Amino acid sequence: MNGVIFYFSGTGNTHFIADKFAATMRDRYGQDYDVHSIEEHTDFRQLMQVTEVIGFCYPIYGSSVPNIMRQFALRYNDCLAGKRPVLLCMQ
């Protein structure tokens, strides 16, 4: 796995974009990206530890990051040191 993308999607549009980004990275560059909802029950720390690139994909709420995504990033902030971030913001 070359990277992981964590997304929050209220309507499904952001999930679609996260999947599309992962498919593009695979098809054009041969890089594998796992895609996970931040609402899943999974070991996010483990996923972050085994990859160098970590993506965050979310919709803009009132010109800002949704609170649920902000809380997710703060909860796992210690896992982000030295990682390469990718941000995909939907509007």
N, C-alpha and C. Protein backbone atom coordinates (compact mmCIF):
# COMPACT_ATOMS: atom_id res chain seq x y z
N MET A 1 0.85 -1.18 0.00
CA MET A 1 0.00 0.00 0.00
C MET A 1 0.89 1.24 0.00
N ASN A 2 0.65 2.13 -0.95
CA ASN A 2 1.41 3.37 -1.04
C ASN A 2 0.82 4.48 -0.18
N GLY A 3 -0.49 4.41 0.07
CA GLY A 3 -1.14 5.45 0.84
C GLY A 3 -2.50 5.01 1.33
N VAL A 4 -3.07 5.85 2.17
CA VAL A 4 -4.40 5.60 2.69
C VAL A 4 -5.16 6.92 2.66
N ILE A 5 -6.44 6.83 2.33
CA ILE A 5 -7.30 8.01 2.31
C ILE A 5 -8.42 7.80 3.31
N PHE A 6 -8.57 8.74 4.21
CA PHE A 6 -9.67 8.73 5.16
C PHE A 6 -10.67 9.79 4.73
N TYR A 7 -11.93 9.42 4.69
CA TYR A 7 -12.94 10.37 4.22
C TYR A 7 -14.12 10.43 5.17
N PHE A 8 -14.79 11.57 5.13
CA PHE A 8 -16.10 11.73 5.75
C PHE A 8 -17.03 12.21 4.65
N SER A 9 -18.16 11.54 4.53
CA SER A 9 -19.11 11.89 3.47
C SER A 9 -20.52 11.85 4.03
N GLY A 10 -21.22 12.96 3.88
CA GLY A 10 -22.61 13.01 4.33
C GLY A 10 -23.57 12.46 3.29
N THR A 11 -23.33 12.78 2.02
CA THR A 11 -24.26 12.39 0.96
C THR A 11 -23.72 11.30 0.04
N GLY A 12 -22.43 11.01 0.16
CA GLY A 12 -21.81 10.02 -0.72
C GLY A 12 -20.91 10.63 -1.77
N ASN A 13 -21.01 11.93 -2.01
CA ASN A 13 -20.18 12.59 -3.02
C ASN A 13 -18.70 12.52 -2.67
N THR A 14 -18.37 12.75 -1.42
CA THR A 14 -16.97 12.73 -1.00
C THR A 14 -16.41 11.32 -1.07
N HIS A 15 -17.21 10.34 -0.73
CA HIS A 15 -16.78 8.94 -0.86
C HIS A 15 -16.45 8.63 -2.32
N PHE A 16 -17.29 9.10 -3.23
CA PHE A 16 -17.07 8.91 -4.66
C PHE A 16 -15.73 9.50 -5.09
N ILE A 17 -15.43 10.71 -4.64
CA ILE A 17 -14.19 11.39 -5.00
C ILE A 17 -12.98 10.66 -4.41
N ALA A 18 -13.09 10.20 -3.18
CA ALA A 18 -11.99 9.45 -2.56
C ALA A 18 -11.69 8.18 -3.36
N ASP A 19 -12.73 7.46 -3.75
CA ASP A 19 -12.55 6.25 -4.57
C ASP A 19 -11.95 6.59 -5.93
N LYS A 20 -12.41 7.68 -6.52
CA LYS A 20 -11.92 8.11 -7.83
C LYS A 20 -10.44 8.48 -7.76
N PHE A 21 -10.05 9.19 -6.70
CA PHE A 21 -8.64 9.54 -6.51
C PHE A 21 -7.79 8.28 -6.39
N ALA A 22 -8.24 7.32 -5.58
CA ALA A 22 -7.50 6.07 -5.40
C ALA A 22 -7.36 5.32 -6.72
N ALA A 23 -8.42 5.28 -7.52
CA ALA A 23 -8.39 4.61 -8.83
C ALA A 23 -7.43 5.32 -9.78
N THR A 24 -7.42 6.64 -9.76
CA THR A 24 -6.52 7.40 -10.62
C THR A 24 -5.06 7.15 -10.23
N MET A 25 -4.77 7.14 -8.95
CA MET A 25 -3.40 6.88 -8.50
C MET A 25 -2.96 5.47 -8.90
N ARG A 26 -3.88 4.52 -8.84
CA ARG A 26 -3.57 3.15 -9.24
C ARG A 26 -3.35 3.05 -10.75
N ASP A 27 -4.27 3.60 -11.53
CA ASP A 27 -4.23 3.46 -12.98
C ASP A 27 -3.10 4.26 -13.63
N ARG A 28 -2.86 5.46 -13.16
CA ARG A 28 -1.85 6.32 -13.79
C ARG A 28 -0.44 6.11 -13.25
N TYR A 29 -0.36 5.81 -11.94
CA TYR A 29 0.96 5.79 -11.32
C TYR A 29 1.32 4.45 -10.69
N GLY A 30 0.41 3.50 -10.73
CA GLY A 30 0.68 2.19 -10.15
C GLY A 30 0.78 2.19 -8.64
N GLN A 31 0.17 3.19 -8.00
CA GLN A 31 0.21 3.30 -6.54
C GLN A 31 -1.12 2.84 -5.95
N ASP A 32 -1.05 2.05 -4.90
CA ASP A 32 -2.25 1.54 -4.24
C ASP A 32 -2.61 2.40 -3.04
N TYR A 33 -3.85 2.84 -3.01
CA TYR A 33 -4.36 3.63 -1.89
C TYR A 33 -5.58 2.92 -1.33
N ASP A 34 -5.57 2.63 -0.03
CA ASP A 34 -6.76 2.13 0.64
C ASP A 34 -7.65 3.31 0.97
N VAL A 35 -8.95 3.11 0.91
CA VAL A 35 -9.93 4.16 1.19
C VAL A 35 -10.79 3.70 2.36
N HIS A 36 -10.88 4.55 3.41
CA HIS A 36 -11.63 4.19 4.61
C HIS A 36 -12.44 5.38 5.11
N SER A 37 -13.68 5.10 5.49
CA SER A 37 -14.51 6.11 6.15
C SER A 37 -14.01 6.28 7.58
N ILE A 38 -13.99 7.52 8.06
CA ILE A 38 -13.59 7.75 9.45
C ILE A 38 -14.65 7.24 10.42
N GLU A 39 -15.80 6.85 9.89
CA GLU A 39 -16.87 6.31 10.73
C GLU A 39 -16.80 4.79 10.85
N GLU A 40 -15.84 4.16 10.19
CA GLU A 40 -15.65 2.71 10.29
C GLU A 40 -15.09 2.35 11.67
N HIS A 41 -15.22 1.09 12.00
CA HIS A 41 -14.56 0.54 13.18
C HIS A 41 -13.35 -0.24 12.70
N THR A 42 -12.20 0.44 12.67
CA THR A 42 -10.97 -0.19 12.20
C THR A 42 -9.79 0.40 12.98
N ASP A 43 -8.64 -0.20 12.83
CA ASP A 43 -7.44 0.26 13.52
C ASP A 43 -6.76 1.34 12.68
N PHE A 44 -7.20 2.58 12.86
CA PHE A 44 -6.67 3.70 12.09
C PHE A 44 -5.19 3.92 12.37
N ARG A 45 -4.75 3.72 13.59
CA ARG A 45 -3.34 3.89 13.93
C ARG A 45 -2.47 2.94 13.12
N GLN A 46 -2.89 1.70 13.02
CA GLN A 46 -2.14 0.71 12.24
C GLN A 46 -2.05 1.13 10.78
N LEU A 47 -3.16 1.57 10.22
CA LEU A 47 -3.16 2.02 8.83
C LEU A 47 -2.21 3.18 8.61
N MET A 48 -2.17 4.11 9.56
CA MET A 48 -1.30 5.28 9.43
C MET A 48 0.17 4.92 9.60
N GLN A 49 0.45 3.93 10.42
CA GLN A 49 1.84 3.55 10.67
C GLN A 49 2.50 2.86 9.48
N VAL A 50 1.72 2.19 8.64
CA VAL A 50 2.31 1.40 7.55
C VAL A 50 2.34 2.13 6.22
N THR A 51 2.04 3.41 6.21
CA THR A 51 2.04 4.16 4.96
C THR A 51 2.71 5.52 5.14
N GLU A 52 3.21 6.06 4.04
CA GLU A 52 3.87 7.35 4.08
C GLU A 52 2.92 8.49 3.71
N VAL A 53 1.96 8.21 2.82
CA VAL A 53 1.03 9.23 2.34
C VAL A 53 -0.33 9.00 2.99
N ILE A 54 -0.85 10.04 3.64
CA ILE A 54 -2.16 9.95 4.29
C ILE A 54 -3.04 11.06 3.73
N GLY A 55 -4.17 10.65 3.15
CA GLY A 55 -5.10 11.60 2.58
C GLY A 55 -6.32 11.81 3.45
N PHE A 56 -6.84 13.01 3.42
CA PHE A 56 -8.08 13.35 4.11
C PHE A 56 -9.02 13.97 3.08
N CYS A 57 -10.20 13.43 2.99
CA CYS A 57 -11.18 13.86 2.00
C CYS A 57 -12.47 14.19 2.75
N TYR A 58 -12.96 15.41 2.56
CA TYR A 58 -14.14 15.83 3.32
C TYR A 58 -14.86 16.97 2.60
N PRO A 59 -16.14 17.15 2.90
CA PRO A 59 -16.88 18.28 2.35
C PRO A 59 -16.65 19.52 3.23
N ILE A 60 -16.73 20.68 2.62
CA ILE A 60 -16.63 21.93 3.37
C ILE A 60 -17.99 22.23 4.00
N TYR A 61 -17.98 22.49 5.30
CA TYR A 61 -19.20 22.83 6.02
C TYR A 61 -19.06 24.26 6.53
N GLY A 62 -19.85 25.17 6.00
CA GLY A 62 -19.80 26.55 6.47
C GLY A 62 -18.41 27.15 6.38
N SER A 63 -17.73 26.93 5.27
CA SER A 63 -16.37 27.44 5.02
C SER A 63 -15.32 26.83 5.94
N SER A 64 -15.59 25.64 6.48
CA SER A 64 -14.65 25.03 7.41
C SER A 64 -14.67 23.51 7.29
N VAL A 65 -13.76 22.90 8.01
CA VAL A 65 -13.68 21.43 8.09
C VAL A 65 -14.81 20.95 9.00
N PRO A 66 -15.51 19.88 8.61
CA PRO A 66 -16.56 19.35 9.50
C PRO A 66 -15.95 18.94 10.85
N ASN A 67 -16.68 19.16 11.90
CA ASN A 67 -16.20 18.86 13.24
C ASN A 67 -15.75 17.40 13.38
N ILE A 68 -16.48 16.49 12.79
CA ILE A 68 -16.12 15.07 12.90
C ILE A 68 -14.75 14.79 12.29
N MET A 69 -14.41 15.46 11.19
CA MET A 69 -13.09 15.29 10.58
C MET A 69 -12.01 15.98 11.41
N ARG A 70 -12.33 17.13 11.95
CA ARG A 70 -11.38 17.84 12.82
C ARG A 70 -11.04 16.98 14.04
N GLN A 71 -12.06 16.40 14.67
CA GLN A 71 -11.83 15.54 15.84
C GLN A 71 -11.01 14.30 15.48
N PHE A 72 -11.26 13.72 14.31
CA PHE A 72 -10.50 12.57 13.84
C PHE A 72 -9.02 12.93 13.70
N ALA A 73 -8.74 14.06 13.05
CA ALA A 73 -7.35 14.48 12.85
C ALA A 73 -6.66 14.77 14.18
N LEU A 74 -7.36 15.39 15.10
CA LEU A 74 -6.77 15.67 16.41
C LEU A 74 -6.50 14.38 17.19
N ARG A 75 -7.41 13.41 17.09
CA ARG A 75 -7.26 12.13 17.80
C ARG A 75 -6.02 11.37 17.33
N TYR A 76 -5.72 11.45 16.05
CA TYR A 76 -4.59 10.70 15.49
C TYR A 76 -3.42 11.60 15.09
N ASN A 77 -3.38 12.80 15.63
CA ASN A 77 -2.34 13.77 15.31
C ASN A 77 -0.93 13.19 15.51
N ASP A 78 -0.73 12.40 16.55
CA ASP A 78 0.59 11.84 16.83
C ASP A 78 1.06 10.88 15.74
N CYS A 79 0.15 10.33 14.96
CA CYS A 79 0.49 9.39 13.88
C CYS A 79 0.87 10.12 12.59
N LEU A 80 0.68 11.40 12.53
CA LEU A 80 0.88 12.15 11.29
C LEU A 80 2.29 12.71 11.13
N ALA A 81 3.09 12.67 12.18
CA ALA A 81 4.44 13.23 12.11
C ALA A 81 5.25 12.48 11.04
N GLY A 82 5.87 13.25 10.15
CA GLY A 82 6.72 12.67 9.12
C GLY A 82 5.98 12.09 7.92
N LYS A 83 4.67 12.21 7.90
CA LYS A 83 3.86 11.69 6.79
C LYS A 83 3.65 12.77 5.74
N ARG A 84 3.33 12.35 4.55
CA ARG A 84 3.01 13.28 3.46
C ARG A 84 1.49 13.38 3.36
N PRO A 85 0.91 14.54 3.64
CA PRO A 85 -0.55 14.69 3.61
C PRO A 85 -1.08 15.02 2.23
N VAL A 86 -2.29 14.55 1.96
CA VAL A 86 -3.05 14.92 0.77
C VAL A 86 -4.42 15.34 1.27
N LEU A 87 -4.86 16.55 0.90
CA LEU A 87 -6.17 17.03 1.30
C LEU A 87 -7.05 17.20 0.07
N LEU A 88 -8.23 16.60 0.12
CA LEU A 88 -9.23 16.76 -0.93
C LEU A 88 -10.48 17.32 -0.27
N CYS A 89 -10.82 18.56 -0.60
CA CYS A 89 -11.96 19.23 0.01
C CYS A 89 -13.05 19.41 -1.04
N MET A 90 -14.26 18.99 -0.72
CA MET A 90 -15.40 19.08 -1.63
C MET A 90 -16.25 20.28 -1.26
N GLN A 91 -16.81 20.92 -2.26
CA GLN A 91 -17.74 22.01 -1.98
C GLN A 91 -18.94 21.88 -2.89
